[in-house]
């Protein structure tokens, strides 16, 4: 059997295995996952574009106003981590014993907590997996063999630790409060973490941001997308078509219908496609010439 036939047979076998019945909220979960992947892809593209070298005469000024006045018609300023983070953030000190760490995780209903020093600087993160490894070694008495994998031996040695500082994973993946939500989302995606400690530029813990919060901040509902199209794009850039163009949005797909000047149609569609949360634009417009 050729490699291609092997792949085809494997796929057919997987399709033949009955899967679990979908939960009632499964379509919504699938839609949120698709939007999440789209958001990550867009952030990646924007960061790649930002890294491209620019001509000297197009370089931005080194002096940038921290609180510039909003420009009419401009896109809203991006959300920052400080806008969505939780304050205060729970943490544990480096000398906290194993059992107290477990109690803290249970009390806070989280899977991990930042570990801080006496000055509240983040040293690392201790998680349920760190505690489970220790508990498993103590319960089983397992000892890695002489030729055991390096990672296995390190995990075993770490499981013998008694305090948060000895159990924690370091360095911690952290984010600054003035980072954009899009940047934090990209960092969460790369690190596969559910929560990120938020620190100032000296490493002091000031908050925590959750993956779900970042996702919800980036993905507006359909009503929010429609509102931006109608109030920002149509009202400000195409006022003549405001009462002749109808916009409907479903799961990020924008359907535009009605009448507008033929010369304006390509620009309208392009502006709608540039909205981050829009996944597709369907053109049902009737262009008017003259």
Protein backbone atom coordinates (compact mmCIF):
# COMPACT_ATOMS: atom_id res chain seq x y z
CA UNK A 1 0.00 0.00 0.00
CA UNK A 2 1.39 3.41 -0.97
CA UNK A 3 1.81 6.28 1.48
CA UNK A 4 -1.15 8.10 -0.06
CA UNK A 5 -3.33 4.99 0.28
CA UNK A 6 -2.24 4.66 3.90
CA UNK A 7 -3.28 8.24 4.63
CA UNK A 8 -6.63 7.77 2.89
CA UNK A 9 -7.31 4.51 4.76
CA UNK A 10 -6.48 6.15 8.08
CA UNK A 11 -8.81 9.04 7.38
CA UNK A 12 -11.61 6.67 6.40
CA UNK A 13 -11.09 4.65 9.58
CA UNK A 14 -11.29 7.77 11.72
CA UNK A 15 -14.52 8.82 10.04
CA UNK A 16 -15.99 5.39 10.75
CA UNK A 17 -15.41 5.72 14.50
CA UNK A 18 -18.50 7.20 16.16
CA UNK A 19 -17.65 10.47 17.85
CA UNK A 20 -19.13 12.18 20.86
CA UNK A 21 -22.43 13.96 20.38
CA UNK A 22 -22.01 17.72 20.05
CA UNK A 23 -22.95 19.80 23.04
CA UNK A 24 -25.72 22.37 22.52
CA UNK A 25 -23.13 25.17 22.58
CA UNK A 26 -20.71 23.41 20.20
CA UNK A 27 -21.52 25.57 17.12
CA UNK A 28 -20.85 28.72 19.15
CA UNK A 29 -17.61 27.23 20.51
CA UNK A 30 -16.49 26.33 16.99
CA UNK A 31 -17.30 29.85 15.77
CA UNK A 32 -15.35 31.42 18.65
CA UNK A 33 -12.39 29.15 17.88
CA UNK A 34 -12.38 30.18 14.22
CA UNK A 35 -12.52 33.85 15.17
CA UNK A 36 -9.72 33.32 17.68
CA UNK A 37 -7.50 31.73 15.05
CA UNK A 38 -8.32 34.55 12.66
CA UNK A 39 -7.42 37.14 15.29
CA UNK A 40 -4.08 35.47 15.99
CA UNK A 41 -3.32 35.35 12.26
CA UNK A 42 -4.12 39.05 11.86
CA UNK A 43 -1.95 40.00 14.84
CA UNK A 44 0.88 37.93 13.37
CA UNK A 45 0.54 39.69 10.03
CA UNK A 46 0.50 43.13 11.64
CA UNK A 47 3.58 42.39 13.72
CA UNK A 48 5.40 41.09 10.64
CA UNK A 49 4.49 44.29 8.79
CA UNK A 50 5.68 46.40 11.70
CA UNK A 51 9.07 44.67 11.62
CA UNK A 52 9.64 45.56 7.98
CA UNK A 53 12.23 48.35 7.53
CA UNK A 54 10.84 51.72 6.54
CA UNK A 55 12.45 54.48 4.52
CA UNK A 56 14.26 57.11 6.61
CA UNK A 57 11.93 59.88 5.50
CA UNK A 58 8.89 57.88 6.59
CA UNK A 59 10.18 57.04 10.07
CA UNK A 60 7.90 58.31 12.84
CA UNK A 61 9.05 61.05 15.17
CA UNK A 62 10.75 59.89 18.35
CA UNK A 63 8.53 62.22 20.35
CA UNK A 64 5.01 60.89 20.54
CA UNK A 65 2.20 62.41 22.55
CA UNK A 66 0.98 60.03 25.21
CA UNK A 67 -2.58 61.32 25.10
CA UNK A 68 -3.22 62.65 21.63
CA UNK A 69 -6.62 64.07 20.78
CA UNK A 70 -8.80 61.62 18.82
CA UNK A 71 -8.94 62.32 15.09
CA UNK A 72 -12.46 62.46 13.65
CA UNK A 73 -13.11 59.45 11.44
CA UNK A 74 -10.00 57.61 12.64
CA UNK A 75 -10.18 54.08 13.97
CA UNK A 76 -10.53 53.88 17.75
CA UNK A 77 -7.33 53.50 19.76
CA UNK A 78 -6.44 49.85 20.44
CA UNK A 79 -7.37 48.36 23.79
CA UNK A 80 -4.49 48.04 26.23
CA UNK A 81 -3.87 45.31 28.79
CA UNK A 82 -4.51 47.80 31.59
CA UNK A 83 -8.07 48.17 30.26
CA UNK A 84 -8.93 44.49 30.73
CA UNK A 85 -6.62 43.16 33.48
CA UNK A 86 -7.80 42.08 36.93
CA UNK A 87 -6.52 44.07 39.90
CA UNK A 88 -5.33 43.12 42.45
CA UNK A 89 -3.67 39.88 41.38
CA UNK A 90 -3.36 36.93 43.72
CA UNK A 91 0.17 35.61 44.23
CA UNK A 92 2.28 33.44 46.52
CA UNK A 93 5.62 34.24 48.12
CA UNK A 94 8.72 32.25 47.30
CA UNK A 95 8.93 30.67 50.76
CA UNK A 96 5.30 29.44 50.81
CA UNK A 97 5.15 25.67 51.61
CA UNK A 98 3.69 23.07 49.26
CA UNK A 99 0.36 22.58 51.07
CA UNK A 100 -0.26 26.32 51.38
CA UNK A 101 0.29 26.70 47.64
CA UNK A 102 -2.34 24.02 47.00
CA UNK A 103 -4.78 25.83 49.30
CA UNK A 104 -4.14 29.13 47.53
CA UNK A 105 -4.83 27.63 44.10
CA UNK A 106 -8.05 26.11 45.41
CA UNK A 107 -9.14 29.32 47.11
CA UNK A 108 -8.53 31.43 44.01
CA UNK A 109 -10.07 28.82 41.64
CA UNK A 110 -7.08 29.03 39.28
CA UNK A 111 -4.55 26.59 37.86
CA UNK A 112 -1.48 28.74 38.45
CA UNK A 113 -0.25 31.72 40.46
CA UNK A 114 2.72 34.06 40.10
CA UNK A 115 5.50 33.67 42.67
CA UNK A 116 6.83 36.97 44.04
CA UNK A 117 9.77 38.01 46.21
CA UNK A 118 9.70 40.32 49.24
CA UNK A 119 9.45 43.38 46.94
CA UNK A 120 6.52 41.89 45.00
CA UNK A 121 8.64 41.25 41.91
CA UNK A 122 7.57 38.24 39.84
CA UNK A 123 10.12 35.41 40.04
CA UNK A 124 8.17 32.66 38.31
CA UNK A 125 4.84 30.81 38.20
CA UNK A 126 3.74 27.79 40.20
CA UNK A 127 0.97 25.61 38.79
CA UNK A 128 -1.17 22.60 39.53
CA UNK A 129 1.10 20.50 37.30
CA UNK A 130 4.07 21.36 39.53
CA UNK A 131 2.14 20.22 42.59
CA UNK A 132 0.82 17.09 40.88
CA UNK A 133 4.34 16.04 39.89
CA UNK A 134 5.49 16.34 43.49
CA UNK A 135 2.45 14.45 44.81
CA UNK A 136 2.91 11.67 42.23
CA UNK A 137 6.58 11.15 43.08
CA UNK A 138 5.87 11.09 46.81
CA UNK A 139 2.95 8.67 46.41
CA UNK A 140 4.68 6.25 44.05
CA UNK A 141 8.29 6.51 45.12
CA UNK A 142 9.20 6.53 41.44
CA UNK A 143 12.89 6.97 40.62
CA UNK A 144 14.05 7.64 37.05
CA UNK A 145 16.61 5.21 35.74
CA UNK A 146 20.24 6.02 35.15
CA UNK A 147 19.55 6.57 31.48
CA UNK A 148 16.21 8.28 32.02
CA UNK A 149 15.42 11.27 29.86
CA UNK A 150 16.87 14.57 31.07
CA UNK A 151 13.44 16.17 31.26
CA UNK A 152 12.17 13.26 33.35
CA UNK A 153 15.05 13.54 35.80
CA UNK A 154 14.62 17.31 36.10
CA UNK A 155 10.92 16.86 36.83
CA UNK A 156 11.75 14.28 39.48
CA UNK A 157 14.31 16.57 41.13
CA UNK A 158 11.87 19.49 41.03
CA UNK A 159 9.18 17.34 42.65
CA UNK A 160 11.37 17.03 45.74
CA UNK A 161 11.05 20.78 46.35
CA UNK A 162 9.13 22.08 49.34
CA UNK A 163 8.55 25.78 48.59
CA UNK A 164 7.05 27.85 45.78
CA UNK A 165 10.47 29.19 44.75
CA UNK A 166 11.82 25.67 44.32
CA UNK A 167 8.69 24.35 42.59
CA UNK A 168 8.00 27.26 40.24
CA UNK A 169 8.63 27.51 36.53
CA UNK A 170 10.98 30.34 35.69
CA UNK A 171 11.32 32.79 34.07
CA UNK A 172 7.66 33.75 34.09
CA UNK A 173 5.94 34.89 30.90
CA UNK A 174 4.63 38.36 31.73
CA UNK A 175 3.13 41.34 29.93
CA UNK A 176 3.20 45.11 30.51
CA UNK A 177 0.00 47.09 31.17
CA UNK A 178 0.71 49.40 28.22
CA UNK A 179 0.95 46.47 25.79
CA UNK A 180 -1.98 46.15 23.41
CA UNK A 181 -4.57 43.43 23.89
CA UNK A 182 -3.60 42.10 20.46
CA UNK A 183 0.06 41.77 21.52
CA UNK A 184 -0.94 40.00 24.74
CA UNK A 185 -3.17 37.63 22.77
CA UNK A 186 -0.24 36.74 20.54
CA UNK A 187 1.93 36.09 23.62
CA UNK A 188 -0.76 33.87 25.17
CA UNK A 189 -1.00 31.91 21.92
CA UNK A 190 2.75 31.32 21.74
CA UNK A 191 3.08 30.32 25.40
CA UNK A 192 -0.19 28.32 25.59
CA UNK A 193 -1.01 29.89 28.94
CA UNK A 194 -4.44 30.72 30.35
CA UNK A 195 -3.30 33.64 32.51
CA UNK A 196 -0.49 36.17 32.25
CA UNK A 197 0.91 38.17 35.17
CA UNK A 198 0.98 41.89 34.40
CA UNK A 199 4.07 43.71 35.70
CA UNK A 200 5.50 47.20 35.55
CA UNK A 201 8.82 47.75 33.81
CA UNK A 202 10.69 46.87 37.02
CA UNK A 203 8.97 43.49 37.35
CA UNK A 204 6.51 44.35 40.14
CA UNK A 205 3.21 42.47 39.96
CA UNK A 206 0.29 44.83 39.34
CA UNK A 207 -2.41 42.60 37.86
CA UNK A 208 -3.29 39.51 35.85
CA UNK A 209 -5.00 39.08 32.49
CA UNK A 210 -6.95 36.01 31.42
CA UNK A 211 -6.93 34.40 27.98
CA UNK A 212 -10.73 34.47 27.75
CA UNK A 213 -10.75 38.16 28.62
CA UNK A 214 -8.28 38.91 25.84
CA UNK A 215 -10.32 36.92 23.36
CA UNK A 216 -13.59 38.61 24.30
CA UNK A 217 -11.94 42.02 24.08
CA UNK A 218 -10.73 41.33 20.54
CA UNK A 219 -13.91 39.76 19.26
CA UNK A 220 -16.91 42.02 19.28
CA UNK A 221 -20.38 40.68 18.71
CA UNK A 222 -22.14 41.16 15.41
CA UNK A 223 -24.02 44.21 16.71
CA UNK A 224 -20.72 45.93 17.50
CA UNK A 225 -19.40 45.30 13.98
CA UNK A 226 -22.59 46.67 12.43
CA UNK A 227 -22.44 49.73 14.67
CA UNK A 228 -18.91 50.55 13.52
CA UNK A 229 -19.82 50.17 9.85
CA UNK A 230 -22.89 52.37 10.16
CA UNK A 231 -21.57 55.04 12.51
CA UNK A 232 -17.93 55.30 11.43
CA UNK A 233 -17.69 54.15 7.82
CA UNK A 234 -21.08 54.97 6.28
CA UNK A 235 -21.91 58.07 8.33
CA UNK A 236 -18.48 59.69 8.03
CA UNK A 237 -17.05 58.45 4.71
CA UNK A 238 -20.19 57.81 2.65
CA UNK A 239 -22.91 60.09 4.04
CA UNK A 240 -24.85 60.09 0.75
CA UNK A 241 -25.33 56.31 1.02
CA UNK A 242 -26.15 56.19 4.71
CA UNK A 243 -29.90 55.81 4.08
CA UNK A 244 -29.64 53.66 0.96
CA UNK A 245 -27.24 50.94 2.13
CA UNK A 246 -28.33 48.16 4.47
CA UNK A 247 -25.84 46.21 6.57
CA UNK A 248 -26.43 42.83 8.21
CA UNK A 249 -23.81 40.87 10.18
CA UNK A 250 -23.91 37.21 11.17
CA UNK A 251 -20.98 35.45 12.83
CA UNK A 252 -18.58 38.08 11.52
CA UNK A 253 -19.85 37.84 7.92
CA UNK A 254 -21.05 41.22 6.62
CA UNK A 255 -23.76 41.39 3.95
CA UNK A 256 -24.05 44.78 2.26
CA UNK A 257 -27.09 45.54 0.12
CA UNK A 258 -28.93 48.56 -1.27
CA UNK A 259 -27.84 51.32 -3.63
CA UNK A 260 -24.78 53.58 -3.77
CA UNK A 261 -22.58 55.37 -6.30
CA UNK A 262 -20.66 52.86 -8.41
CA UNK A 263 -17.35 54.66 -7.85
CA UNK A 264 -17.71 54.32 -4.07
CA UNK A 265 -18.45 50.58 -3.93
CA UNK A 266 -14.84 49.26 -4.02
CA UNK A 267 -13.70 51.67 -1.30
CA UNK A 268 -16.66 50.82 0.95
CA UNK A 269 -16.02 47.08 0.64
CA UNK A 270 -12.30 47.57 1.29
CA UNK A 271 -12.93 49.58 4.45
CA UNK A 272 -15.34 46.97 5.79
CA UNK A 273 -12.84 44.17 5.08
CA UNK A 274 -10.22 46.09 7.10
CA UNK A 275 -12.28 45.79 10.29
CA UNK A 276 -10.44 43.18 12.36
CA UNK A 277 -13.52 41.22 13.42
CA UNK A 278 -14.95 40.87 9.90
CA UNK A 279 -14.34 37.43 8.40
CA UNK A 280 -16.06 37.94 5.04
CA UNK A 281 -17.92 40.62 3.07
CA UNK A 282 -20.78 39.68 0.73
CA UNK A 283 -21.56 42.31 -1.91
CA UNK A 284 -25.25 42.63 -2.81
CA UNK A 285 -25.03 46.30 -3.73
CA UNK A 286 -26.70 47.82 -6.78
CA UNK A 287 -24.21 50.39 -8.11
CA UNK A 288 -25.70 53.63 -9.35
CA UNK A 289 -23.94 55.37 -12.22
CA UNK A 290 -23.93 59.06 -12.99
